[in-house]
Amino acid sequence: MVEKIIVTGAGGLLGYALVRQAIARGFEVCSLDFEHMPDCGRPIKIDLTDPASVKTCIETEKPQVVVNTASLTDVDLCERNPELAMRVNGAAAGYLAETCENANAFLIHLSTDYVFDGNSGNFNENDKPAPVNQYGASKLLGEQLVLKHKDTCVGRTSVIYGWGRTFRPNFGTWLHSKLSKGEKVNVVSDQFASPTLNTNLAGMILELMERRWEGLIHLAGATRINRFDFAVKLATAFHFEPSLITSVKSDSSSWIAARPKDSSLDVTKAKTILNMKPLTVEEALREFAQTTVRAM
């Protein structure tokens, strides 16, 4: 019997990669989204903030696994509308976890490095979260609500980039678009993270799904790096001109919400237990540059 999985946020950057890899491995995939319907898997439009719709979908489809990649990721929008952020990133994750438990479906929920304050960096799974903005606070609530239930896994990630999402650029595709045209860009040099290629992240999630691994784990790139240095490495990988990139400080930005200065994640646990290892930034950018599907 082919195992059925549901992927929420399937029209997004991670969902795009996850659905395609799951289908390639022989899974039956239901692709859930609300605004941007995916072109792969069986598409279902759903509002995850509506508990009745979530319950009906899970009971009707009877999946063995649900992977929740859906999230309100606009950090400044979350700051302007914290109630919306808490509903989408927090309460909705709780509804989904409760429904999955009642339906005996395993749930993998994706969270973020922004649950940390960024004062030290290289955070591991035992470090205490202390978000500095509403986005991080809402994602932390989602984690807490999910982990109250059995048969759940929460994976924190960081600065996802890659090909696949057409309606909104990510850091990697934005840089590629600008640099490929010879346009100059300003990139902050005092904000560190663990940039994560969407296809590598999808592979790690599928392995956790197949193994039914429970608990909290950091699923991110294996390199702590600031955004300016990442941009220079990307330019080198694509043979663009690095001199187009200017280093600036984050206090020159027009962001509404505070950002953690160093939200990099320690991925020792993932490197230890997974066969699909977190990639270094050089490995990931090499794969990014070699990928033939470029949806921008």
C-alpha atoms as a PDB file:
ATOM      1  CA  MET A   1       0.000   0.000   0.000  1.00  0.00           C
ATOM      2  CA  VAL A   2       1.365   3.420  -0.984  1.00  0.00           C
ATOM      3  CA  GLU A   3       1.696   5.696   2.008  1.00  0.00           C
ATOM      4  CA  LYS A   4      -0.283   8.932   1.778  1.00  0.00           C
ATOM      5  CA  ILE A   5       1.158  12.190   3.056  1.00  0.00           C
ATOM      6  CA  ILE A   6      -0.259  15.685   3.302  1.00  0.00           C
ATOM      7  CA  VAL A   7       2.018  18.674   2.790  1.00  0.00           C
ATOM      8  CA  THR A   8       0.651  22.015   3.937  1.00  0.00           C
ATOM      9  CA  GLY A   9       2.055  25.170   2.395  1.00  0.00           C
ATOM     10  CA  ALA A  10       2.768  23.052  -0.673  1.00  0.00           C
ATOM     11  CA  GLY A  11       2.865  26.107  -2.920  1.00  0.00           C
ATOM     12  CA  GLY A  12       5.763  27.579  -0.960  1.00  0.00           C
ATOM     13  CA  LEU A  13       9.511  27.258  -1.299  1.00  0.00           C
ATOM     14  CA  LEU A  14       9.974  24.251   0.971  1.00  0.00           C
ATOM     15  CA  GLY A  15       6.647  22.709   0.010  1.00  0.00           C
ATOM     16  CA  TYR A  16       7.660  22.820  -3.656  1.00  0.00           C
ATOM     17  CA  ALA A  17      10.786  20.747  -3.031  1.00  0.00           C
ATOM     18  CA  LEU A  18       9.163  18.425  -0.511  1.00  0.00           C
ATOM     19  CA  VAL A  19       6.203  17.463  -2.691  1.00  0.00           C
ATOM     20  CA  ARG A  20       8.429  16.668  -5.658  1.00  0.00           C
ATOM     21  CA  GLN A  21      10.840  14.561  -3.657  1.00  0.00           C
ATOM     22  CA  ALA A  22       7.997  12.685  -1.968  1.00  0.00           C
ATOM     23  CA  ILE A  23       6.331  11.860  -5.287  1.00  0.00           C
ATOM     24  CA  ALA A  24       9.677  10.729  -6.694  1.00  0.00           C
ATOM     25  CA  ARG A  25       9.952   8.297  -3.771  1.00  0.00           C
ATOM     26  CA  GLY A  26       6.528   6.841  -4.534  1.00  0.00           C
ATOM     27  CA  PHE A  27       4.349   8.565  -1.936  1.00  0.00           C
ATOM     28  CA  GLU A  28       0.804   9.662  -2.649  1.00  0.00           C
ATOM     29  CA  VAL A  29       0.823  13.397  -1.903  1.00  0.00           C
ATOM     30  CA  CYS A  30      -2.010  15.785  -1.125  1.00  0.00           C
ATOM     31  CA  SER A  31      -0.721  19.344  -1.663  1.00  0.00           C
ATOM     32  CA  LEU A  32      -2.493  21.831   0.599  1.00  0.00           C
ATOM     33  CA  ASP A  33      -2.355  25.594   0.271  1.00  0.00           C
ATOM     34  CA  PHE A  34      -4.691  28.552   0.522  1.00  0.00           C
ATOM     35  CA  GLU A  35      -3.357  31.282  -1.767  1.00  0.00           C
ATOM     36  CA  HIS A  36      -0.826  29.690  -4.115  1.00  0.00           C
ATOM     37  CA  MET A  37      -2.024  26.330  -5.360  1.00  0.00           C
ATOM     38  CA  PRO A  38       0.814  23.927  -6.177  1.00  0.00           C
ATOM     39  CA  ASP A  39       1.247  22.326  -9.595  1.00  0.00           C
ATOM     40  CA  CYS A  40       2.395  18.969  -8.227  1.00  0.00           C
ATOM     41  CA  GLY A  41       0.579  16.448  -6.068  1.00  0.00           C
ATOM     42  CA  ARG A  42      -3.206  16.528  -5.639  1.00  0.00           C
ATOM     43  CA  PRO A  43      -4.032  20.167  -4.830  1.00  0.00           C
ATOM     44  CA  ILE A  44      -6.467  20.994  -2.023  1.00  0.00           C
ATOM     45  CA  LYS A  45      -7.356  24.547  -1.026  1.00  0.00           C
ATOM     46  CA  ILE A  46      -7.709  24.933   2.723  1.00  0.00           C
ATOM     47  CA  ASP A  47      -7.624  27.592   5.424  1.00  0.00           C
ATOM     48  CA  LEU A  48      -5.543  26.087   8.234  1.00  0.00           C
ATOM     49  CA  THR A  49      -6.878  28.643  10.702  1.00  0.00           C
ATOM     50  CA  ASP A  50     -10.332  27.040  10.380  1.00  0.00           C
ATOM     51  CA  PRO A  51     -10.356  24.020  12.747  1.00  0.00           C
ATOM     52  CA  ALA A  52     -13.443  22.505  11.110  1.00  0.00           C
ATOM     53  CA  SER A  53     -11.814  22.546   7.670  1.00  0.00           C
ATOM     54  CA  VAL A  54      -8.643  20.978   9.063  1.00  0.00           C
ATOM     55  CA  LYS A  55     -10.617  18.236  10.802  1.00  0.00           C
ATOM     56  CA  THR A  56     -12.664  17.476   7.682  1.00  0.00           C
ATOM     57  CA  CYS A  57      -9.577  17.319   5.470  1.00  0.00           C
ATOM     58  CA  ILE A  58      -7.624  14.974   7.739  1.00  0.00           C
ATOM     59  CA  GLU A  59     -10.609  12.701   8.358  1.00  0.00           C
ATOM     60  CA  THR A  60     -11.424  12.554   4.646  1.00  0.00           C
ATOM     61  CA  GLU A  61      -7.901  12.021   3.296  1.00  0.00           C
ATOM     62  CA  LYS A  62      -6.705   9.708   6.107  1.00  0.00           C
ATOM     63  CA  PRO A  63      -2.966  10.441   5.686  1.00  0.00           C
ATOM     64  CA  GLN A  64      -0.307   8.469   7.509  1.00  0.00           C
ATOM     65  CA  VAL A  65       1.881  11.593   7.740  1.00  0.00           C
ATOM     66  CA  VAL A  66       1.311  15.349   7.674  1.00  0.00           C
ATOM     67  CA  VAL A  67       4.164  17.806   7.099  1.00  0.00           C
ATOM     68  CA  ASN A  68       3.285  21.368   8.054  1.00  0.00           C
ATOM     69  CA  THR A  69       5.403  23.848   6.108  1.00  0.00           C
ATOM     70  CA  ALA A  70       2.664  26.519   6.074  1.00  0.00           C
ATOM     71  CA  SER A  71       3.590  29.723   7.854  1.00  0.00           C
ATOM     72  CA  LEU A  72       3.191  33.472   7.827  1.00  0.00           C
ATOM     73  CA  THR A  73       6.852  34.331   7.237  1.00  0.00           C
ATOM     74  CA  ASP A  74       6.619  38.076   6.565  1.00  0.00           C
ATOM     75  CA  VAL A  75       8.405  39.233   9.718  1.00  0.00           C
ATOM     76  CA  ASP A  76       7.286  42.848   9.495  1.00  0.00           C
ATOM     77  CA  LEU A  77       3.680  41.890   8.778  1.00  0.00           C
ATOM     78  CA  CYS A  78       3.729  39.707  11.892  1.00  0.00           C
ATOM     79  CA  GLU A  79       5.002  42.699  13.866  1.00  0.00           C
ATOM     80  CA  ARG A  80       2.209  44.912  12.552  1.00  0.00           C
ATOM     81  CA  ASN A  81      -0.466  42.269  13.096  1.00  0.00           C
ATOM     82  CA  PRO A  82       0.551  40.020  16.012  1.00  0.00           C
ATOM     83  CA  GLU A  83      -2.953  38.579  16.366  1.00  0.00           C
ATOM     84  CA  LEU A  84      -2.801  37.290  12.806  1.00  0.00           C
ATOM     85  CA  ALA A  85       0.684  35.881  13.413  1.00  0.00           C
ATOM     86  CA  MET A  86      -0.432  34.025  16.536  1.00  0.00           C
ATOM     87  CA  ARG A  87      -3.456  32.623  14.751  1.00  0.00           C
ATOM     88  CA  VAL A  88      -1.589  31.420  11.658  1.00  0.00           C
ATOM     89  CA  ASN A  89       1.763  30.356  13.140  1.00  0.00           C
ATOM     90  CA  GLY A  90       0.578  29.403  16.611  1.00  0.00           C
ATOM     91  CA  ALA A  91      -3.028  28.338  17.085  1.00  0.00           C
ATOM     92  CA  ALA A  92      -3.356  26.731  13.646  1.00  0.00           C
ATOM     93  CA  ALA A  93      -0.387  24.460  14.369  1.00  0.00           C
ATOM     94  CA  GLY A  94      -2.108  23.388  17.582  1.00  0.00           C
ATOM     95  CA  TYR A  95      -5.358  22.562  15.788  1.00  0.00           C
ATOM     96  CA  LEU A  96      -3.436  20.548  13.236  1.00  0.00           C
ATOM     97  CA  ALA A  97      -1.473  18.594  15.865  1.00  0.00           C
ATOM     98  CA  GLU A  98      -4.628  17.733  17.810  1.00  0.00           C
ATOM     99  CA  THR A  99      -6.392  16.579  14.655  1.00  0.00           C
ATOM    100  CA  CYS A 100      -3.411  14.479  13.567  1.00  0.00           C
ATOM    101  CA  GLU A 101      -3.202  12.811  16.977  1.00  0.00           C
ATOM    102  CA  ASN A 102      -6.892  11.925  16.862  1.00  0.00           C
ATOM    103  CA  ALA A 103      -6.433  10.508  13.358  1.00  0.00           C
ATOM    104  CA  ASN A 104      -3.243   8.563  14.241  1.00  0.00           C
ATOM    105  CA  ALA A 105      -1.240  10.573  11.718  1.00  0.00           C
ATOM    106  CA  PHE A 106       2.409  11.469  12.342  1.00  0.00           C
ATOM    107  CA  LEU A 107       3.083  15.233  12.176  1.00  0.00           C
ATOM    108  CA  ILE A 108       6.264  17.069  11.256  1.00  0.00           C
ATOM    109  CA  HIS A 109       6.028  20.800  11.926  1.00  0.00           C
ATOM    110  CA  LEU A 110       8.551  23.359  10.639  1.00  0.00           C
ATOM    111  CA  SER A 111       9.725  26.161  12.873  1.00  0.00           C
ATOM    112  CA  THR A 112      12.451  28.783  12.752  1.00  0.00           C
ATOM    113  CA  ASP A 113      15.738  30.056  14.152  1.00  0.00           C
ATOM    114  CA  TYR A 114      13.883  33.276  15.006  1.00  0.00           C
ATOM    115  CA  VAL A 115      12.641  31.699  18.241  1.00  0.00           C
ATOM    116  CA  PHE A 116      16.068  32.734  19.621  1.00  0.00           C
ATOM    117  CA  ASP A 117      17.239  36.199  20.653  1.00  0.00           C
ATOM    118  CA  GLY A 118      20.431  36.058  18.589  1.00  0.00           C
ATOM    119  CA  ASN A 119      22.710  37.179  21.398  1.00  0.00           C
ATOM    120  CA  SER A 120      25.086  34.239  21.087  1.00  0.00           C
ATOM    121  CA  GLY A 121      24.399  32.138  17.972  1.00  0.00           C
ATOM    122  CA  ASN A 122      25.024  28.470  17.243  1.00  0.00           C
ATOM    123  CA  PHE A 123      21.918  27.577  19.251  1.00  0.00           C
ATOM    124  CA  ASN A 124      21.237  23.914  19.994  1.00  0.00           C
ATOM    125  CA  GLU A 125      17.987  22.176  20.830  1.00  0.00           C
ATOM    126  CA  ASN A 126      18.516  22.599  24.584  1.00  0.00           C
ATOM    127  CA  ASP A 127      18.981  26.369  24.470  1.00  0.00           C
ATOM    128  CA  LYS A 128      16.125  28.449  25.811  1.00  0.00           C
ATOM    129  CA  PRO A 129      14.095  30.332  23.176  1.00  0.00           C
ATOM    130  CA  ALA A 130      13.679  34.077  23.631  1.00  0.00           C
ATOM    131  CA  PRO A 131      12.194  35.633  20.487  1.00  0.00           C
ATOM    132  CA  VAL A 132      12.760  39.337  19.814  1.00  0.00           C
ATOM    133  CA  ASN A 133       9.800  39.820  17.456  1.00  0.00           C
ATOM    134  CA  GLN A 134       6.220  38.696  16.943  1.00  0.00           C
ATOM    135  CA  TYR A 135       7.130  36.271  14.165  1.00  0.00           C
ATOM    136  CA  GLY A 136       9.483  34.377  16.468  1.00  0.00           C
ATOM    137  CA  ALA A 137       6.954  34.484  19.311  1.00  0.00           C
ATOM    138  CA  SER A 138       4.193  33.088  17.112  1.00  0.00           C
ATOM    139  CA  LYS A 139       6.413  30.284  15.810  1.00  0.00           C
ATOM    140  CA  LEU A 140       7.458  29.427  19.358  1.00  0.00           C
ATOM    141  CA  LEU A 141       3.795  29.117  20.325  1.00  0.00           C
ATOM    142  CA  GLY A 142       3.293  26.754  17.388  1.00  0.00           C
ATOM    143  CA  GLU A 143       6.197  24.592  18.558  1.00  0.00           C
ATOM    144  CA  GLN A 144       4.836  24.393  22.075  1.00  0.00           C
ATOM    145  CA  LEU A 145       1.329  23.474  20.962  1.00  0.00           C
ATOM    146  CA  VAL A 146       2.603  20.777  18.580  1.00  0.00           C
ATOM    147  CA  LEU A 147       4.975  19.132  21.052  1.00  0.00           C
ATOM    148  CA  LYS A 148       2.151  18.696  23.570  1.00  0.00           C
ATOM    149  CA  HIS A 149       0.868  15.904  21.334  1.00  0.00           C
ATOM    150  CA  LYS A 150       2.242  12.443  20.646  1.00  0.00           C
ATOM    151  CA  ASP A 151       3.722  11.354  17.314  1.00  0.00           C
ATOM    152  CA  THR A 152       5.087  14.808  16.497  1.00  0.00           C
ATOM    153  CA  CYS A 153       8.383  16.245  15.347  1.00  0.00           C
ATOM    154  CA  VAL A 154       9.391  19.918  15.243  1.00  0.00           C
ATOM    155  CA  GLY A 155      12.227  20.916  12.950  1.00  0.00           C
ATOM    156  CA  ARG A 156      13.743  24.378  13.227  1.00  0.00           C
ATOM    157  CA  THR A 157      15.376  25.804  10.138  1.00  0.00           C
ATOM    158  CA  SER A 158      17.058  29.018   8.988  1.00  0.00           C
ATOM    159  CA  VAL A 159      16.941  31.296   5.901  1.00  0.00           C
ATOM    160  CA  ILE A 160      15.544  28.832   3.379  1.00  0.00           C
ATOM    161  CA  TYR A 161      16.576  29.539  -0.208  1.00  0.00           C
ATOM    162  CA  GLY A 162      16.374  27.710  -3.529  1.00  0.00           C
ATOM    163  CA  TRP A 163      14.450  27.412  -6.772  1.00  0.00           C
ATOM    164  CA  GLY A 164      10.754  26.686  -6.959  1.00  0.00           C
ATOM    165  CA  ARG A 165       8.534  29.462  -5.612  1.00  0.00           C
ATOM    166  CA  THR A 166       7.483  31.860  -8.374  1.00  0.00           C
ATOM    167  CA  PHE A 167       5.353  34.361  -6.466  1.00  0.00           C
ATOM    168  CA  ARG A 168       7.955  35.615  -3.982  1.00  0.00           C
ATOM    169  CA  PRO A 169      11.754  35.701  -4.221  1.00  0.00           C
ATOM    170  CA  ASN A 170      13.962  34.320  -1.478  1.00  0.00           C
ATOM    171  CA  PHE A 171      17.408  35.534  -0.498  1.00  0.00           C
ATOM    172  CA  GLY A 172      19.130  33.197  -2.952  1.00  0.00           C
ATOM    173  CA  THR A 173      16.910  33.906  -5.975  1.00  0.00           C
ATOM    174  CA  TRP A 174      16.863  37.648  -5.222  1.00  0.00           C
ATOM    175  CA  LEU A 175      20.654  37.724  -5.260  1.00  0.00           C
ATOM    176  CA  HIS A 176      20.765  35.639  -8.431  1.00  0.00           C
ATOM    177  CA  SER A 177      18.299  37.929 -10.203  1.00  0.00           C
ATOM    178  CA  LYS A 178      20.154  41.098  -9.273  1.00  0.00           C
ATOM    179  CA  LEU A 179      23.706  39.881  -9.846  1.00  0.00           C
ATOM    180  CA  SER A 180      22.878  38.126 -13.128  1.00  0.00           C
ATOM    181  CA  LYS A 181      21.793  41.523 -14.484  1.00  0.00           C
ATOM    182  CA  GLY A 182      24.909  43.252 -13.220  1.00  0.00           C
ATOM    183  CA  GLU A 183      22.919  45.213 -10.626  1.00  0.00           C
ATOM    184  CA  LYS A 184      24.512  46.356  -7.390  1.00  0.00           C
ATOM    185  CA  VAL A 185      23.106  45.124  -4.066  1.00  0.00           C
ATOM    186  CA  ASN A 186      23.526  46.107  -0.425  1.00  0.00           C
ATOM    187  CA  VAL A 187      23.701  43.171   1.977  1.00  0.00           C
ATOM    188  CA  VAL A 188      24.044  43.286   5.762  1.00  0.00           C
ATOM    189  CA  SER A 189      27.255  41.924   7.233  1.00  0.00           C
ATOM    190  CA  ASP A 190      26.261  41.893  10.917  1.00  0.00           C
ATOM    191  CA  GLN A 191      23.425  39.360  10.769  1.00  0.00           C
ATOM    192  CA  PHE A 192      24.410  35.680  11.020  1.00  0.00           C
ATOM    193  CA  ALA A 193      22.295  32.605  10.274  1.00  0.00           C
ATOM    194  CA  SER A 194      22.544  29.071   8.854  1.00  0.00           C
ATOM    195  CA  PRO A 195      21.258  29.392   5.258  1.00  0.00           C
ATOM    196  CA  THR A 196      19.402  26.255   4.188  1.00  0.00           C
ATOM    197  CA  LEU A 197      18.869  24.951   0.656  1.00  0.00           C
ATOM    198  CA  ASN A 198      15.242  23.888   0.214  1.00  0.00           C
ATOM    199  CA  THR A 199      16.076  20.580  -1.475  1.00  0.00           C
ATOM    200  CA  ASN A 200      18.492  19.573   1.294  1.00  0.00           C
ATOM    201  CA  LEU A 201      15.900  20.463   3.921  1.00  0.00           C
ATOM    202  CA  ALA A 202      13.221  18.472   2.091  1.00  0.00           C
ATOM    203  CA  GLY A 203      15.470  15.411   2.057  1.00  0.00           C
ATOM    204  CA  MET A 204      16.088  15.648   5.805  1.00  0.00           C
ATOM    205  CA  ILE A 205      12.363  15.995   6.482  1.00  0.00           C
ATOM    206  CA  LEU A 206      11.517  12.956   4.371  1.00  0.00           C
ATOM    207  CA  GLU A 207      14.044  10.867   6.272  1.00  0.00           C
ATOM    208  CA  LEU A 208      12.577  11.940   9.611  1.00  0.00           C
ATOM    209  CA  MET A 209       9.127  11.177   8.232  1.00  0.00           C
ATOM    210  CA  GLU A 210      10.067   7.692   7.096  1.00  0.00           C
ATOM    211  CA  ARG A 211      11.706   6.966  10.464  1.00  0.00           C
ATOM    212  CA  ARG A 212       8.866   8.555  12.478  1.00  0.00           C
ATOM    213  CA  TRP A 213      11.449  10.460  14.510  1.00  0.00           C
ATOM    214  CA  GLU A 214       9.819  12.333  17.389  1.00  0.00           C
ATOM    215  CA  GLY A 215      10.948  15.443  19.237  1.00  0.00           C
ATOM    216  CA  LEU A 216      12.795  18.686  18.467  1.00  0.00           C
ATOM    217  CA  ILE A 217      15.637  18.913  15.957  1.00  0.00           C
ATOM    218  CA  HIS A 218      17.512  21.648  14.125  1.00  0.00           C
ATOM    219  CA  LEU A 219      17.377  21.179  10.342  1.00  0.00           C
ATOM    220  CA  ALA A 220      19.495  23.863   8.710  1.00  0.00           C
ATOM    221  CA  GLY A 221      22.625  24.445   6.705  1.00  0.00           C
ATOM    222  CA  ALA A 222      25.842  23.338   8.374  1.00  0.00           C
ATOM    223  CA  THR A 223      27.595  26.720   8.083  1.00  0.00           C
ATOM    224  CA  ARG A 224      27.210  29.780  10.310  1.00  0.00           C
ATOM    225  CA  ILE A 225      27.676  32.767   8.018  1.00  0.00           C
ATOM    226  CA  ASN A 226      26.636  36.394   7.716  1.00  0.00           C
ATOM    227  CA  ARG A 227      24.472  37.490   4.822  1.00  0.00           C
ATOM    228  CA  PHE A 228      27.181  39.500   3.080  1.00  0.00           C
ATOM    229  CA  ASP A 229      29.652  36.603   3.058  1.00  0.00           C
ATOM    230  CA  PHE A 230      26.886  34.297   1.838  1.00  0.00           C
ATOM    231  CA  ALA A 231      26.155  36.692  -1.017  1.00  0.00           C
ATOM    232  CA  VAL A 232      29.827  36.761  -2.025  1.00  0.00           C
ATOM    233  CA  LYS A 233      29.977  32.954  -1.999  1.00  0.00           C
ATOM    234  CA  LEU A 234      26.825  32.802  -4.120  1.00  0.00           C
ATOM    235  CA  ALA A 235      28.334  35.231  -6.619  1.00  0.00           C
ATOM    236  CA  THR A 236      31.420  33.045  -6.838  1.00  0.00           C
ATOM    237  CA  ALA A 237      29.349  29.868  -7.332  1.00  0.00           C
ATOM    238  CA  PHE A 238      27.506  31.448 -10.273  1.00  0.00           C
ATOM    239  CA  HIS A 239      30.554  33.289 -11.668  1.00  0.00           C
ATOM    240  CA  PHE A 240      29.006  36.693 -11.006  1.00  0.00           C
ATOM    241  CA  GLU A 241      31.000  39.769 -10.055  1.00  0.00           C
ATOM    242  CA  PRO A 242      31.409  39.934  -6.242  1.00  0.00           C
ATOM    243  CA  SER A 243      32.258  43.644  -6.410  1.00  0.00           C
ATOM    244  CA  LEU A 244      28.568  44.299  -7.120  1.00  0.00           C
ATOM    245  CA  ILE A 245      27.873  43.465  -3.453  1.00  0.00           C
ATOM    246  CA  THR A 246      28.301  46.182  -0.833  1.00  0.00           C
ATOM    247  CA  SER A 247      28.476  45.421   2.867  1.00  0.00           C
ATOM    248  CA  VAL A 248      26.107  47.444   5.065  1.00  0.00           C
ATOM    249  CA  LYS A 249      25.021  47.351   8.706  1.00  0.00           C
ATOM    250  CA  SER A 250      21.558  46.178   9.717  1.00  0.00           C
ATOM    251  CA  ASP A 251      20.792  49.469  11.480  1.00  0.00           C
ATOM    252  CA  SER A 252      20.629  51.057   8.034  1.00  0.00           C
ATOM    253  CA  SER A 253      17.621  48.920   7.091  1.00  0.00           C
ATOM    254  CA  SER A 254      13.978  49.997   7.134  1.00  0.00           C
ATOM    255  CA  TRP A 255      12.751  46.883   8.955  1.00  0.00           C
ATOM    256  CA  ILE A 256       9.837  47.322  11.330  1.00  0.00           C
ATOM    257  CA  ALA A 257      10.554  44.279  13.483  1.00  0.00           C
ATOM    258  CA  ALA A 258      13.791  43.612  15.318  1.00  0.00           C
ATOM    259  CA  ARG A 259      15.925  40.789  13.893  1.00  0.00           C
ATOM    260  CA  PRO A 260      18.238  38.543  15.916  1.00  0.00           C
ATOM    261  CA  LYS A 261      21.875  39.383  15.213  1.00  0.00           C
ATOM    262  CA  ASP A 262      22.996  35.744  15.254  1.00  0.00           C
ATOM    263  CA  SER A 263      20.304  33.085  14.946  1.00  0.00           C
ATOM    264  CA  SER A 264      22.624  30.394  13.570  1.00  0.00           C
ATOM    265  CA  LEU A 265      21.716  26.846  14.551  1.00  0.00           C
ATOM    266  CA  ASP A 266      23.837  23.986  15.841  1.00  0.00           C
ATOM    267  CA  VAL A 267      22.955  21.008  13.611  1.00  0.00           C
ATOM    268  CA  THR A 268      25.085  18.418  15.424  1.00  0.00           C
ATOM    269  CA  LYS A 269      22.036  16.284  16.199  1.00  0.00           C
ATOM    270  CA  ALA A 270      20.939  16.217  12.553  1.00  0.00           C
ATOM    271  CA  LYS A 271      24.474  15.400  11.386  1.00  0.00           C
ATOM    272  CA  THR A 272      24.628  12.569  13.925  1.00  0.00           C
ATOM    273  CA  ILE A 273      21.314  10.837  13.358  1.00  0.00           C
ATOM    274  CA  LEU A 274      20.496  11.495   9.706  1.00  0.00           C
ATOM    275  CA  ASN A 275      21.841   9.866   6.567  1.00  0.00           C
ATOM    276  CA  MET A 276      20.816  13.007   4.675  1.00  0.00           C
ATOM    277  CA  LYS A 277      23.310  15.405   6.237  1.00  0.00           C
ATOM    278  CA  PRO A 278      22.996  19.192   6.473  1.00  0.00           C
ATOM    279  CA  LEU A 279      25.092  20.678   3.663  1.00  0.00           C
ATOM    280  CA  THR A 280      27.876  23.191   4.129  1.00  0.00           C
ATOM    281  CA  VAL A 281      27.303  26.515   2.412  1.00  0.00           C
ATOM    282  CA  GLU A 282      29.780  25.567  -0.328  1.00  0.00           C
ATOM    283  CA  GLU A 283      28.073  22.219  -0.968  1.00  0.00           C
ATOM    284  CA  ALA A 284      24.622  23.796  -0.989  1.00  0.00           C
ATOM    285  CA  LEU A 285      25.550  26.642  -3.321  1.00  0.00           C
ATOM    286  CA  ARG A 286      27.199  24.184  -5.695  1.00  0.00           C
ATOM    287  CA  GLU A 287      23.950  22.203  -5.805  1.00  0.00           C
ATOM    288  CA  PHE A 288      21.934  25.407  -6.158  1.00  0.00           C
ATOM    289  CA  ALA A 289      24.052  26.504  -9.115  1.00  0.00           C
ATOM    290  CA  GLN A 290      23.861  23.114 -10.799  1.00  0.00           C
ATOM    291  CA  THR A 291      20.089  22.741 -10.491  1.00  0.00           C
ATOM    292  CA  THR A 292      18.422  22.873 -13.885  1.00  0.00           C
ATOM    293  CA  VAL A 293      14.928  23.893 -12.719  1.00  0.00           C
ATOM    294  CA  ARG A 294      15.030  27.634 -12.254  1.00  0.00           C
ATOM    295  CA  ALA A 295      11.677  29.156 -11.347  1.00  0.00           C
ATOM    296  CA  MET A 296      12.143  32.831 -10.595  1.00  0.00           C
END
